[in-house]
N, C-alpha and C. Protein backbone atom coordinates (compact mmCIF):
# COMPACT_ATOMS: atom_id res chain seq x y z
N MET A 1 -15.95 71.52 18.08
CA MET A 1 -15.45 69.65 19.25
C MET A 1 -16.61 69.85 20.53
N ASN A 2 -17.63 68.51 20.48
CA ASN A 2 -18.11 68.85 21.41
C ASN A 2 -17.74 68.51 22.88
N THR A 3 -17.81 68.32 24.03
CA THR A 3 -17.33 67.99 25.49
C THR A 3 -17.16 67.08 25.25
N THR A 4 -18.18 66.01 24.93
CA THR A 4 -17.51 64.32 24.93
C THR A 4 -16.45 64.03 23.96
N THR A 5 -16.35 64.29 22.93
CA THR A 5 -15.53 64.15 22.22
C THR A 5 -13.83 64.78 22.87
N GLU A 6 -13.92 65.77 23.24
CA GLU A 6 -12.94 66.29 24.29
C GLU A 6 -12.18 65.57 25.42
N GLN A 7 -13.06 65.12 25.78
CA GLN A 7 -13.24 64.28 27.14
C GLN A 7 -12.62 62.87 26.45
N LYS A 8 -13.08 61.98 25.52
CA LYS A 8 -12.33 60.89 24.69
C LYS A 8 -10.84 61.20 24.33
N ILE A 9 -10.59 62.35 23.71
CA ILE A 9 -9.13 62.71 23.44
C ILE A 9 -8.19 62.84 24.54
N ARG A 10 -8.85 63.17 25.86
CA ARG A 10 -7.66 63.24 26.84
C ARG A 10 -7.79 61.84 27.27
N ILE A 11 -8.55 60.61 27.35
CA ILE A 11 -8.32 59.61 27.88
C ILE A 11 -7.52 58.89 26.72
N LYS A 12 -7.53 58.89 25.75
CA LYS A 12 -6.39 58.33 25.00
C LYS A 12 -4.90 58.50 25.23
N LYS A 13 -4.86 59.88 25.51
CA LYS A 13 -3.48 60.17 26.02
C LYS A 13 -2.96 59.33 26.98
N PRO A 14 -1.35 58.81 26.97
CA PRO A 14 -1.41 58.24 28.63
C PRO A 14 -0.41 59.03 29.14
N PHE A 15 -0.01 59.12 30.43
CA PHE A 15 0.26 60.03 31.36
C PHE A 15 2.09 60.54 30.84
N PHE A 16 3.01 59.97 30.75
CA PHE A 16 4.01 60.09 29.90
C PHE A 16 4.25 60.74 28.59
N ARG A 17 2.43 60.89 28.12
CA ARG A 17 2.77 61.44 26.80
C ARG A 17 1.78 62.95 26.99
N GLN A 18 1.70 63.35 28.28
CA GLN A 18 0.82 64.40 28.94
C GLN A 18 1.93 65.42 29.52
N PRO A 19 3.06 66.27 28.75
CA PRO A 19 4.34 66.77 29.32
C PRO A 19 4.09 67.70 30.36
N LEU A 20 2.63 68.63 30.63
CA LEU A 20 2.01 69.30 31.36
C LEU A 20 1.81 68.58 32.82
N HIS A 21 1.45 67.55 32.86
CA HIS A 21 0.85 66.57 33.30
C HIS A 21 2.02 66.03 34.28
N VAL A 22 2.95 65.50 33.66
CA VAL A 22 4.33 65.44 34.08
C VAL A 22 5.10 66.22 34.97
N ALA A 23 5.34 67.36 34.21
CA ALA A 23 5.64 68.53 34.94
C ALA A 23 4.90 68.84 36.36
N TYR A 24 3.80 69.31 36.49
CA TYR A 24 3.06 69.16 37.51
C TYR A 24 3.66 67.91 38.78
N SER A 25 3.37 66.90 38.15
CA SER A 25 3.68 65.73 38.94
C SER A 25 4.89 65.94 39.95
N ILE A 26 6.09 66.41 39.18
CA ILE A 26 7.22 66.87 39.62
C ILE A 26 7.77 67.79 40.35
N ALA A 27 7.19 68.83 39.85
CA ALA A 27 6.98 70.22 40.96
C ALA A 27 6.10 69.89 42.05
N PHE A 28 5.21 69.05 41.94
CA PHE A 28 4.04 68.70 43.25
C PHE A 28 5.10 68.03 44.38
N PHE A 29 6.03 66.70 43.79
CA PHE A 29 6.42 66.02 44.65
C PHE A 29 7.70 66.35 45.38
N VAL A 30 8.31 67.53 44.31
CA VAL A 30 10.00 68.34 44.94
C VAL A 30 9.53 69.32 45.99
N TYR A 31 8.55 69.72 45.68
CA TYR A 31 8.21 70.73 46.65
C TYR A 31 7.55 70.36 47.94
N LEU A 32 6.95 69.09 47.64
CA LEU A 32 6.28 68.46 49.30
C LEU A 32 7.60 68.25 49.70
N VAL A 33 8.25 67.37 48.94
CA VAL A 33 9.60 66.77 50.07
C VAL A 33 10.29 68.49 50.35
N TYR A 34 10.49 69.44 49.89
CA TYR A 34 11.00 70.22 50.06
C TYR A 34 10.40 70.97 51.51
N THR A 35 8.95 70.98 51.69
CA THR A 35 8.40 71.59 52.77
C THR A 35 8.37 70.85 54.00
N GLY A 36 8.47 69.64 53.62
CA GLY A 36 8.50 68.57 54.57
C GLY A 36 10.02 68.76 55.51
N LEU A 37 11.16 68.72 54.74
CA LEU A 37 12.17 69.12 55.46
C LEU A 37 12.64 70.48 55.87
N THR A 38 12.04 71.21 55.50
CA THR A 38 12.17 72.77 55.92
C THR A 38 11.01 73.25 56.78
N THR A 39 10.01 72.66 57.61
CA THR A 39 9.18 72.85 58.15
C THR A 39 9.80 72.72 59.65
N PRO A 40 9.35 73.88 60.47
CA PRO A 40 9.69 73.91 61.96
C PRO A 40 9.09 73.03 62.74
N ASP A 41 7.72 72.57 62.09
CA ASP A 41 7.06 71.50 62.75
C ASP A 41 6.50 70.37 62.03
N LEU A 42 7.19 69.31 62.04
CA LEU A 42 7.24 68.32 61.27
C LEU A 42 5.33 67.57 61.36
N LYS A 43 4.90 67.45 62.66
CA LYS A 43 3.38 67.01 63.12
C LYS A 43 2.68 67.92 62.37
N ASN A 44 2.44 68.93 62.50
CA ASN A 44 1.57 69.85 61.67
C ASN A 44 1.53 69.49 60.30
N TRP A 45 2.57 69.49 59.78
CA TRP A 45 2.96 69.55 58.23
C TRP A 45 2.19 68.29 58.04
N ALA A 46 2.43 66.98 58.68
CA ALA A 46 2.24 65.79 58.43
C ALA A 46 0.61 65.99 58.15
N LEU A 47 0.22 66.75 59.43
CA LEU A 47 -1.55 66.36 59.91
C LEU A 47 -2.16 67.57 58.24
N GLU A 48 -1.10 68.47 58.05
CA GLU A 48 -1.89 69.49 56.85
C GLU A 48 -2.62 68.67 55.58
N ASN A 49 -1.19 67.83 55.38
CA ASN A 49 -0.69 67.28 53.82
C ASN A 49 -1.39 65.83 54.46
N THR A 50 -2.10 65.31 54.70
CA THR A 50 -2.83 64.33 54.76
C THR A 50 -3.90 64.45 53.53
N LEU A 51 -4.69 65.55 53.80
CA LEU A 51 -5.81 65.90 53.03
C LEU A 51 -4.81 66.00 51.56
N THR A 52 -3.78 67.06 51.32
CA THR A 52 -3.01 66.96 49.98
C THR A 52 -2.94 65.58 49.46
N LEU A 53 -2.37 64.61 49.98
CA LEU A 53 -1.88 63.29 49.67
C LEU A 53 -3.04 62.77 48.77
N SER A 54 -4.29 62.54 49.79
CA SER A 54 -5.60 62.37 49.56
C SER A 54 -6.23 62.89 48.08
N LEU A 55 -5.88 63.78 48.09
CA LEU A 55 -6.37 64.50 47.15
C LEU A 55 -5.23 63.42 45.41
N ILE A 56 -4.28 63.84 45.99
CA ILE A 56 -3.32 63.32 44.75
C ILE A 56 -3.79 61.76 44.38
N ILE A 57 -3.84 60.81 45.57
CA ILE A 57 -4.11 59.29 45.38
C ILE A 57 -5.34 59.26 44.37
N PHE A 58 -6.39 59.76 44.86
CA PHE A 58 -7.77 59.95 44.25
C PHE A 58 -7.40 60.22 42.56
N LEU A 59 -6.65 61.47 42.19
CA LEU A 59 -6.52 61.79 40.85
C LEU A 59 -5.58 60.58 40.04
N ILE A 60 -4.32 60.50 41.08
CA ILE A 60 -3.80 58.75 40.22
C ILE A 60 -4.76 57.90 40.11
N ALA A 61 -5.48 57.06 40.95
CA ALA A 61 -6.55 56.32 40.75
C ALA A 61 -7.26 56.51 39.98
N PHE A 62 -7.86 57.75 39.76
CA PHE A 62 -9.02 58.03 38.55
C PHE A 62 -8.35 58.54 37.10
N TYR A 63 -6.98 58.55 36.88
CA TYR A 63 -6.59 59.08 36.20
C TYR A 63 -6.99 58.28 34.42
N ASP A 64 -6.88 56.84 34.96
CA ASP A 64 -7.69 56.74 33.11
C ASP A 64 -9.15 56.01 33.07
N ILE A 65 -9.87 56.79 34.27
CA ILE A 65 -11.25 56.46 34.48
C ILE A 65 -11.55 58.17 33.80
N PHE A 66 -11.22 59.10 34.42
CA PHE A 66 -11.72 60.50 34.29
C PHE A 66 -10.27 61.11 34.34
N ARG A 67 -10.36 61.86 33.29
CA ARG A 67 -9.56 62.70 32.75
C ARG A 67 -9.69 64.25 32.32
N PHE A 68 -9.46 65.33 33.63
CA PHE A 68 -9.59 66.71 33.57
C PHE A 68 -8.95 67.19 32.52
N SER A 69 -9.50 68.51 32.29
CA SER A 69 -9.09 69.31 31.00
C SER A 69 -7.77 69.82 31.69
N ASP A 70 -6.88 70.39 30.66
CA ASP A 70 -5.75 71.01 31.51
C ASP A 70 -5.99 72.26 32.43
N LEU A 71 -6.82 72.56 31.95
CA LEU A 71 -7.30 74.14 33.34
C LEU A 71 -7.87 73.51 34.21
N SER A 72 -8.45 72.43 34.76
CA SER A 72 -8.52 71.81 35.57
C SER A 72 -7.15 71.05 36.46
N TYR A 73 -6.63 70.70 35.89
CA TYR A 73 -5.33 69.74 36.29
C TYR A 73 -4.66 71.22 36.83
N THR A 74 -4.40 72.48 36.18
CA THR A 74 -3.56 73.59 36.50
C THR A 74 -4.26 74.37 37.74
N LEU A 75 -5.46 74.41 37.93
CA LEU A 75 -6.44 74.75 39.35
C LEU A 75 -5.86 74.18 40.52
N ILE A 76 -6.20 72.79 40.13
CA ILE A 76 -5.77 71.67 41.21
C ILE A 76 -4.73 72.05 41.70
N PHE A 77 -3.27 72.14 40.88
CA PHE A 77 -1.84 72.25 40.99
C PHE A 77 -1.66 73.23 41.67
N LEU A 78 -2.52 74.63 41.62
CA LEU A 78 -2.10 75.56 42.15
C LEU A 78 -2.65 75.58 43.39
N PHE A 79 -3.99 75.07 43.54
CA PHE A 79 -4.48 74.80 45.02
C PHE A 79 -3.43 73.92 45.80
N THR A 80 -2.50 72.74 45.71
CA THR A 80 -1.86 72.35 46.37
C THR A 80 -0.59 72.95 46.83
N LEU A 81 -0.13 73.83 45.87
CA LEU A 81 0.90 74.71 46.14
C LEU A 81 0.71 75.19 47.27
N LEU A 82 -0.37 75.60 46.92
CA LEU A 82 -0.77 77.01 47.82
C LEU A 82 -0.82 76.68 49.28
N HIS A 83 -2.16 74.99 49.38
CA HIS A 83 -1.82 74.68 50.56
C HIS A 83 -0.48 73.59 51.34
N MET A 84 0.38 73.58 50.26
CA MET A 84 1.49 72.87 50.84
C MET A 84 2.62 73.91 51.46
N TYR A 85 2.54 75.14 50.97
CA TYR A 85 3.01 76.43 51.42
C TYR A 85 2.40 76.51 53.27
N GLY A 86 1.03 76.72 52.86
CA GLY A 86 0.66 77.01 54.59
C GLY A 86 1.01 75.79 55.49
N SER A 87 0.85 74.63 54.56
CA SER A 87 1.26 73.42 55.81
C SER A 87 2.87 73.67 56.40
N GLN A 88 3.54 74.35 55.60
CA GLN A 88 5.39 74.59 56.03
C GLN A 88 5.28 75.08 57.41
N TYR A 89 4.37 76.08 58.03
CA TYR A 89 4.36 76.51 58.95
C TYR A 89 2.90 76.64 59.61
N GLN A 90 2.88 76.97 61.22
CA GLN A 90 1.76 77.04 61.62
C GLN A 90 0.92 78.02 60.66
N TYR A 91 -0.38 78.29 60.70
CA TYR A 91 -0.88 79.47 60.04
C TYR A 91 -0.84 81.24 60.59
N PRO A 92 -0.59 81.08 61.73
CA PRO A 92 -0.50 82.19 62.51
C PRO A 92 1.05 82.48 62.12
N ASP A 93 1.55 81.85 62.06
CA ASP A 93 3.17 81.88 61.26
C ASP A 93 3.94 82.09 60.26
N ASN A 94 2.76 82.08 59.02
CA ASN A 94 3.20 81.80 57.90
C ASN A 94 3.79 83.20 57.50
N PRO A 95 5.38 82.91 56.95
CA PRO A 95 5.72 84.21 56.60
C PRO A 95 4.92 85.29 55.31
N PHE A 96 4.67 84.38 54.25
CA PHE A 96 3.76 85.75 53.46
C PHE A 96 2.79 86.49 54.23
N GLY A 97 1.88 85.52 54.93
CA GLY A 97 0.87 86.42 55.41
C GLY A 97 1.33 87.13 57.01
N ASP A 98 2.75 87.09 57.40
CA ASP A 98 2.90 87.87 58.40
C ASP A 98 3.27 89.11 57.50
N TRP A 99 3.43 89.19 56.30
CA TRP A 99 4.17 90.12 54.91
C TRP A 99 2.69 90.51 55.03
N LEU A 100 1.70 90.39 54.61
CA LEU A 100 0.51 90.89 54.14
C LEU A 100 0.18 91.51 55.71
N GLN A 101 0.30 90.94 56.72
CA GLN A 101 -0.37 91.59 57.92
C GLN A 101 0.12 92.91 58.00
N GLN A 102 1.69 92.88 57.59
CA GLN A 102 2.05 93.88 58.03
C GLN A 102 2.30 95.04 57.45
N GLU A 103 2.49 94.80 55.71
CA GLU A 103 2.15 95.60 54.72
C GLU A 103 0.58 96.33 54.71
N PHE A 104 -0.39 95.81 55.17
CA PHE A 104 -1.62 96.09 54.72
C PHE A 104 -2.45 96.49 56.05
N ASN A 105 -1.53 96.19 57.40
CA ASN A 105 -2.06 96.67 58.78
C ASN A 105 -3.02 96.09 58.89
N HIS A 106 -3.43 94.64 58.61
CA HIS A 106 -4.11 94.13 59.42
C HIS A 106 -3.93 93.40 60.65
N SER A 107 -5.15 92.87 60.80
CA SER A 107 -5.19 92.43 62.89
C SER A 107 -4.68 91.12 63.10
N ARG A 108 -4.69 90.26 62.10
CA ARG A 108 -4.21 89.03 62.12
C ARG A 108 -3.32 88.41 60.33
N ASN A 109 -2.74 87.14 61.02
CA ASN A 109 -2.06 86.50 59.85
C ASN A 109 -3.48 85.96 58.75
N HIS A 110 -3.58 86.52 57.81
CA HIS A 110 -4.74 85.85 56.97
C HIS A 110 -4.43 85.17 56.07
N TYR A 111 -3.03 84.22 56.30
CA TYR A 111 -2.94 83.10 54.93
C TYR A 111 -3.75 81.93 55.20
N ASP A 112 -4.37 81.58 56.31
CA ASP A 112 -5.44 80.55 56.45
C ASP A 112 -6.66 81.18 55.76
N ARG A 113 -6.94 82.52 55.37
CA ARG A 113 -8.35 82.63 54.86
C ARG A 113 -7.87 82.66 53.14
N LEU A 114 -6.46 82.93 52.90
CA LEU A 114 -6.12 82.62 51.35
C LEU A 114 -6.36 81.60 51.10
N VAL A 115 -5.73 80.38 51.74
CA VAL A 115 -5.98 79.02 51.40
C VAL A 115 -7.59 78.34 51.50
N HIS A 116 -8.49 78.71 51.87
CA HIS A 116 -9.90 78.48 52.16
C HIS A 116 -10.25 79.42 50.86
N LEU A 117 -10.27 80.92 50.76
CA LEU A 117 -10.58 81.32 49.77
C LEU A 117 -10.26 80.63 48.01
N GLY A 118 -9.20 80.30 48.36
CA GLY A 118 -8.40 79.10 47.12
C GLY A 118 -9.37 77.89 46.72
N PHE A 119 -9.41 77.34 47.76
CA PHE A 119 -10.30 75.93 48.11
C PHE A 119 -11.48 75.86 46.93
N GLY A 120 -12.50 77.16 47.61
CA GLY A 120 -13.28 77.44 46.54
C GLY A 120 -12.94 78.03 45.39
N LEU A 121 -12.37 78.83 45.11
CA LEU A 121 -12.07 79.60 43.67
C LEU A 121 -11.30 78.62 42.82
N LEU A 122 -10.43 77.40 43.00
CA LEU A 122 -10.02 77.26 42.63
C LEU A 122 -10.12 75.55 42.23
N LEU A 123 -11.04 74.70 43.16
CA LEU A 123 -11.49 73.61 42.68
C LEU A 123 -12.90 73.59 42.34
N ALA A 124 -13.50 74.58 42.36
CA ALA A 124 -15.14 74.78 42.27
C ALA A 124 -15.08 74.04 40.66
N TYR A 125 -14.40 74.67 40.07
CA TYR A 125 -14.36 74.40 38.48
C TYR A 125 -13.99 72.77 37.89
N PRO A 126 -13.12 72.24 38.41
CA PRO A 126 -12.91 70.70 38.65
C PRO A 126 -13.90 69.97 38.79
N MET A 127 -14.45 70.47 40.07
CA MET A 127 -15.95 69.87 40.53
C MET A 127 -16.82 69.84 39.36
N HIS A 128 -16.84 70.99 38.74
CA HIS A 128 -18.10 71.34 37.80
C HIS A 128 -17.62 70.70 36.87
N GLU A 129 -16.33 70.41 36.14
CA GLU A 129 -16.21 69.33 35.26
C GLU A 129 -16.38 68.07 35.32
N VAL A 130 -16.59 67.67 36.41
CA VAL A 130 -16.56 66.24 36.68
C VAL A 130 -17.65 65.85 36.88
N LEU A 131 -18.81 66.86 37.43
CA LEU A 131 -20.12 67.04 37.35
C LEU A 131 -20.43 66.46 36.01
N LEU A 132 -19.82 67.72 35.41
CA LEU A 132 -20.98 67.64 34.06
C LEU A 132 -20.11 66.77 32.88
N GLU A 133 -19.33 65.96 32.83
CA GLU A 133 -18.69 65.65 31.79
C GLU A 133 -18.53 63.63 32.66
N GLY A 134 -18.33 63.85 33.75
CA GLY A 134 -18.06 62.29 34.39
C GLY A 134 -19.55 61.64 34.53
N PHE A 135 -20.48 62.29 35.27
CA PHE A 135 -21.37 61.98 35.91
C PHE A 135 -22.81 62.59 35.03
N LYS A 136 -22.57 63.83 34.02
CA LYS A 136 -23.30 63.89 33.37
C LYS A 136 -24.54 64.58 34.07
N VAL A 137 -24.53 65.16 35.13
CA VAL A 137 -25.70 66.15 35.36
C VAL A 137 -26.37 67.19 34.70
N LYS A 138 -27.42 67.57 34.70
CA LYS A 138 -27.85 68.53 33.72
C LYS A 138 -26.52 70.34 34.33
N ARG A 139 -26.49 70.79 32.94
CA ARG A 139 -25.54 71.97 32.98
C ARG A 139 -25.88 72.89 34.26
N PHE A 140 -27.26 73.36 34.70
CA PHE A 140 -27.84 73.77 35.89
C PHE A 140 -26.79 73.41 37.11
N TYR A 141 -27.09 72.49 37.12
CA TYR A 141 -26.66 71.44 38.40
C TYR A 141 -25.29 71.40 38.26
N SER A 142 -24.57 71.65 37.11
CA SER A 142 -23.15 71.33 37.61
C SER A 142 -22.34 72.81 37.37
N TYR A 143 -23.01 73.71 37.82
CA TYR A 143 -22.69 74.86 38.33
C TYR A 143 -23.18 75.04 39.72
N LEU A 144 -24.13 74.65 40.17
CA LEU A 144 -24.56 74.72 41.48
C LEU A 144 -24.10 73.76 42.39
N MET A 145 -23.98 72.41 42.25
CA MET A 145 -23.47 71.67 43.06
C MET A 145 -22.23 71.94 43.62
N PRO A 146 -21.16 72.56 42.63
CA PRO A 146 -19.48 72.72 43.16
C PRO A 146 -20.23 73.77 44.19
N ILE A 147 -20.95 74.71 44.11
CA ILE A 147 -20.88 75.45 45.14
C ILE A 147 -21.25 74.99 46.92
N GLU A 148 -22.19 74.02 46.64
CA GLU A 148 -22.87 73.48 47.46
C GLU A 148 -21.92 72.35 48.18
N ILE A 149 -20.95 71.84 47.63
CA ILE A 149 -20.17 70.79 47.84
C ILE A 149 -18.83 71.74 48.35
N VAL A 150 -18.28 72.42 47.80
CA VAL A 150 -17.53 73.13 48.84
C VAL A 150 -17.96 73.70 50.10
N LEU A 151 -19.34 74.27 50.21
CA LEU A 151 -19.60 74.86 51.61
C LEU A 151 -19.59 73.55 52.44
N SER A 152 -19.83 72.14 52.13
CA SER A 152 -20.14 70.91 52.65
C SER A 152 -18.80 70.59 53.18
N LEU A 153 -17.81 70.33 52.33
CA LEU A 153 -16.62 70.14 52.60
C LEU A 153 -15.98 70.92 53.49
N SER A 154 -16.17 72.42 53.34
CA SER A 154 -15.76 73.46 54.41
C SER A 154 -15.90 72.78 55.47
N ALA A 155 -17.38 72.74 55.55
CA ALA A 155 -17.92 72.35 57.01
C ALA A 155 -17.44 71.31 57.72
N LEU A 156 -17.00 69.95 56.90
CA LEU A 156 -16.52 69.06 57.40
C LEU A 156 -15.53 68.70 57.74
N TYR A 157 -14.61 69.73 56.85
CA TYR A 157 -13.33 70.30 57.28
C TYR A 157 -12.84 70.92 58.60
N GLU A 158 -13.96 71.81 58.74
CA GLU A 158 -13.74 72.55 59.91
C GLU A 158 -13.68 71.39 61.28
N LEU A 159 -14.97 70.51 61.21
CA LEU A 159 -15.15 69.39 62.29
C LEU A 159 -14.13 68.92 62.46
N VAL A 160 -13.41 68.40 61.37
CA VAL A 160 -12.32 67.09 61.33
C VAL A 160 -10.88 68.13 62.13
N GLU A 161 -10.94 69.36 61.66
CA GLU A 161 -9.94 70.11 62.24
C GLU A 161 -9.97 69.92 63.58
N TRP A 162 -11.13 70.45 64.03
CA TRP A 162 -11.60 70.66 65.53
C TRP A 162 -10.94 69.56 66.26
N LEU A 163 -11.44 67.70 65.70
CA LEU A 163 -11.43 66.62 66.19
C LEU A 163 -10.01 66.66 66.63
N VAL A 164 -8.93 67.02 65.35
CA VAL A 164 -7.73 67.05 65.41
C VAL A 164 -7.13 67.54 66.26
N ALA A 165 -6.95 69.14 66.38
CA ALA A 165 -6.46 69.64 67.66
C ALA A 165 -7.00 69.50 68.83
N ASP A 166 -8.18 68.68 69.08
CA ASP A 166 -8.53 68.24 70.45
C ASP A 166 -7.81 66.89 70.65
N LEU A 167 -8.10 66.04 69.86
CA LEU A 167 -6.84 64.72 69.99
C LEU A 167 -5.73 64.54 69.95
N VAL A 168 -5.04 64.82 68.91
CA VAL A 168 -3.67 65.43 68.74
C VAL A 168 -2.84 66.30 69.51
N PHE A 169 -3.36 66.98 70.00
CA PHE A 169 -2.35 68.59 70.79
C PHE A 169 -3.22 68.19 71.62
N LYS A 170 -2.27 68.08 72.55
CA LYS A 170 -2.35 68.00 73.98
C LYS A 170 -2.10 69.18 74.64
N ASP A 171 -1.54 70.05 74.03
CA ASP A 171 -1.17 71.20 74.76
C ASP A 171 -2.08 72.17 74.17
N LYS A 172 -2.96 72.88 74.59
CA LYS A 172 -4.23 73.63 74.09
C LYS A 172 -3.63 74.52 73.19
N GLN A 173 -2.75 75.49 73.43
CA GLN A 173 -2.08 76.54 73.00
C GLN A 173 -1.45 75.79 71.48
N ARG A 174 -0.72 74.82 71.51
CA ARG A 174 -0.43 74.31 70.13
C ARG A 174 -1.78 74.06 69.12
N GLY A 175 -3.16 73.49 70.17
CA GLY A 175 -4.02 73.08 69.31
C GLY A 175 -4.36 74.03 68.51
N MET A 176 -4.85 75.37 69.35
CA MET A 176 -5.20 76.46 68.81
C MET A 176 -4.20 76.81 67.78
N ASP A 177 -2.88 76.80 67.87
CA ASP A 177 -2.17 77.65 66.96
C ASP A 177 -2.78 76.48 65.36
N PHE A 178 -3.06 75.75 65.61
CA PHE A 178 -3.47 74.27 64.34
C PHE A 178 -4.27 74.45 63.78
N LEU A 179 -5.40 75.26 64.99
CA LEU A 179 -6.82 75.54 64.06
C LEU A 179 -6.61 77.04 63.54
N GLY A 180 -5.63 77.83 63.99
CA GLY A 180 -5.29 79.01 63.34
C GLY A 180 -6.51 80.05 63.71
N MET A 181 -7.23 79.74 65.00
CA MET A 181 -8.46 81.01 65.24
C MET A 181 -7.50 82.75 65.32
N GLN A 182 -6.41 82.64 66.07
CA GLN A 182 -6.18 83.80 66.33
C GLN A 182 -6.82 84.66 66.96
N GLY A 183 -7.30 83.95 68.03
CA GLY A 183 -8.62 84.92 68.93
C GLY A 183 -9.62 85.05 67.99
N ASP A 184 -10.07 84.54 66.66
CA ASP A 184 -11.28 85.37 66.29
C ASP A 184 -12.34 83.59 66.76
N ILE A 185 -13.46 84.09 67.78
CA ILE A 185 -14.16 83.27 67.78
C ILE A 185 -15.50 82.54 66.42
N TRP A 186 -15.11 83.51 65.31
CA TRP A 186 -15.98 83.26 64.12
C TRP A 186 -15.08 82.88 63.28
N ASP A 187 -13.97 82.33 63.52
CA ASP A 187 -12.82 81.98 62.44
C ASP A 187 -13.65 80.67 61.50
N ALA A 188 -14.22 79.66 61.74
CA ALA A 188 -14.72 78.55 61.61
C ALA A 188 -16.02 79.25 60.10
N GLN A 189 -16.50 80.10 60.51
CA GLN A 189 -17.53 80.41 59.77
C GLN A 189 -17.12 81.22 58.90
N LYS A 190 -16.28 82.33 59.14
CA LYS A 190 -15.53 83.43 58.00
C LYS A 190 -14.91 82.19 57.16
N ASP A 191 -14.22 80.85 57.76
CA ASP A 191 -13.39 80.29 56.71
C ASP A 191 -14.42 79.64 55.38
N MET A 192 -15.55 79.12 56.00
CA MET A 192 -16.27 78.70 55.33
C MET A 192 -17.11 79.54 54.48
N GLY A 193 -17.14 81.04 54.90
CA GLY A 193 -18.01 81.85 54.25
C GLY A 193 -16.84 82.10 52.74
N ILE A 194 -15.94 82.49 52.81
CA ILE A 194 -14.80 82.78 52.26
C ILE A 194 -14.51 81.59 51.20
N ALA A 195 -14.46 80.18 51.57
CA ALA A 195 -14.79 79.58 50.54
C ALA A 195 -15.90 79.04 49.67
N LEU A 196 -17.22 79.56 50.79
CA LEU A 196 -18.26 79.73 49.84
C LEU A 196 -18.49 80.94 48.60
N ALA A 197 -17.55 81.88 48.81
CA ALA A 197 -17.77 83.30 48.01
C ALA A 197 -16.72 82.80 46.98
N GLY A 198 -15.05 81.88 47.30
CA GLY A 198 -14.44 81.77 45.81
C GLY A 198 -15.15 80.59 45.53
N ALA A 199 -16.26 79.69 45.79
CA ALA A 199 -16.85 79.03 44.41
C ALA A 199 -17.76 79.56 43.49
N LEU A 200 -18.47 80.67 44.64
CA LEU A 200 -19.39 81.51 43.92
C LEU A 200 -18.69 82.08 42.59
N VAL A 201 -17.82 82.90 42.63
CA VAL A 201 -17.15 83.75 41.97
C VAL A 201 -16.93 82.88 40.60
N ALA A 202 -15.98 81.31 41.21
CA ALA A 202 -15.85 80.67 40.23
C ALA A 202 -16.83 79.86 38.95
N MET A 203 -17.61 79.72 39.46
CA MET A 203 -19.15 79.09 38.63
C MET A 203 -19.32 80.45 38.27
N VAL A 204 -19.76 81.63 38.28
CA VAL A 204 -20.30 83.20 37.76
C VAL A 204 -18.98 83.09 36.34
N ILE A 205 -17.71 82.64 36.44
CA ILE A 205 -16.74 82.88 35.74
C ILE A 205 -17.15 81.73 35.05
N ALA A 206 -16.88 80.47 35.30
CA ALA A 206 -17.57 79.23 34.13
C ALA A 206 -18.53 79.99 33.34
N PHE A 207 -19.79 80.06 34.10
CA PHE A 207 -21.11 80.07 33.07
C PHE A 207 -20.57 80.98 32.13
N VAL A 208 -20.31 82.43 32.72
CA VAL A 208 -20.17 83.54 31.47
C VAL A 208 -19.37 82.94 29.72
N PHE A 209 -18.34 82.19 30.51
CA PHE A 209 -17.10 81.80 29.72
C PHE A 209 -17.99 80.63 29.04
N GLU A 210 -18.58 80.00 29.33
CA GLU A 210 -19.16 78.39 28.89
C GLU A 210 -20.05 78.85 27.87
N LYS A 211 -21.05 79.89 28.48
CA LYS A 211 -22.20 80.57 27.61
C LYS A 211 -21.65 81.34 26.47
N GLY A 212 -20.74 82.02 26.84
CA GLY A 212 -20.09 82.74 25.32
C GLY A 212 -19.70 81.90 24.33
N LYS A 213 -19.16 80.53 24.78
CA LYS A 213 -18.45 79.77 23.99
C LYS A 213 -19.91 79.03 23.29
N VAL A 214 -21.08 78.80 23.86
CA VAL A 214 -22.12 78.07 23.17
C VAL A 214 -22.58 79.25 22.22
N THR A 215 -22.65 80.08 22.67
CA THR A 215 -23.08 81.37 21.49
C THR A 215 -22.58 81.94 20.64
N SER A 216 -21.16 81.53 20.50
CA SER A 216 -20.21 82.08 19.88
C SER A 216 -20.50 80.66 18.31
N LYS A 217 -20.91 79.10 18.94
CA LYS A 217 -20.92 78.10 18.27
C LYS A 217 -22.38 78.22 17.42
N SER A 218 -23.46 78.68 18.07
CA SER A 218 -24.82 78.98 17.46
C SER A 218 -24.71 80.09 16.33
């Protein structure tokens, strides 16, 4: 079965006949409400989840236009959970990051770095899929462009994050906590580098597996 045929089959099935998609949607909104009700900083939670909700609105709006594979929806779902858990607290105070810091004797809470890694590692493949199946770009560019897009979006996110911290948080310390720098002057550059590394790994894995499929069919 070729890629085009698989895409057509995915489009034919309505949302309520996709049990996995329904389950992910319910779990997402339940966890979103939970993090909102339990967060100690509602402003930070709302700001952080602006991007999360934008992504979900985008997926809903284009659901009948372009249908991702179940693998891509799973990767997107995992990233939203990772990000929502991060939004529940200021990044320097994230409990899982605190545990990692104590367990491995790190100098800082690294949960923000984990989210940036997840951005590249988990979302590069859905980008590859939409480029290959939706925009019909050449296969080579469908591997290359997600890496470039992840790096570009990471840079854009750092700029937006800086503007929000400067304009929304009047208290300088709260703004610094929102940025999650934790005293590291190279925090933004490291975040972008980690996201880039995640995207590179994801595209290498995708290339190896998809090349293996093509080889086995031939």
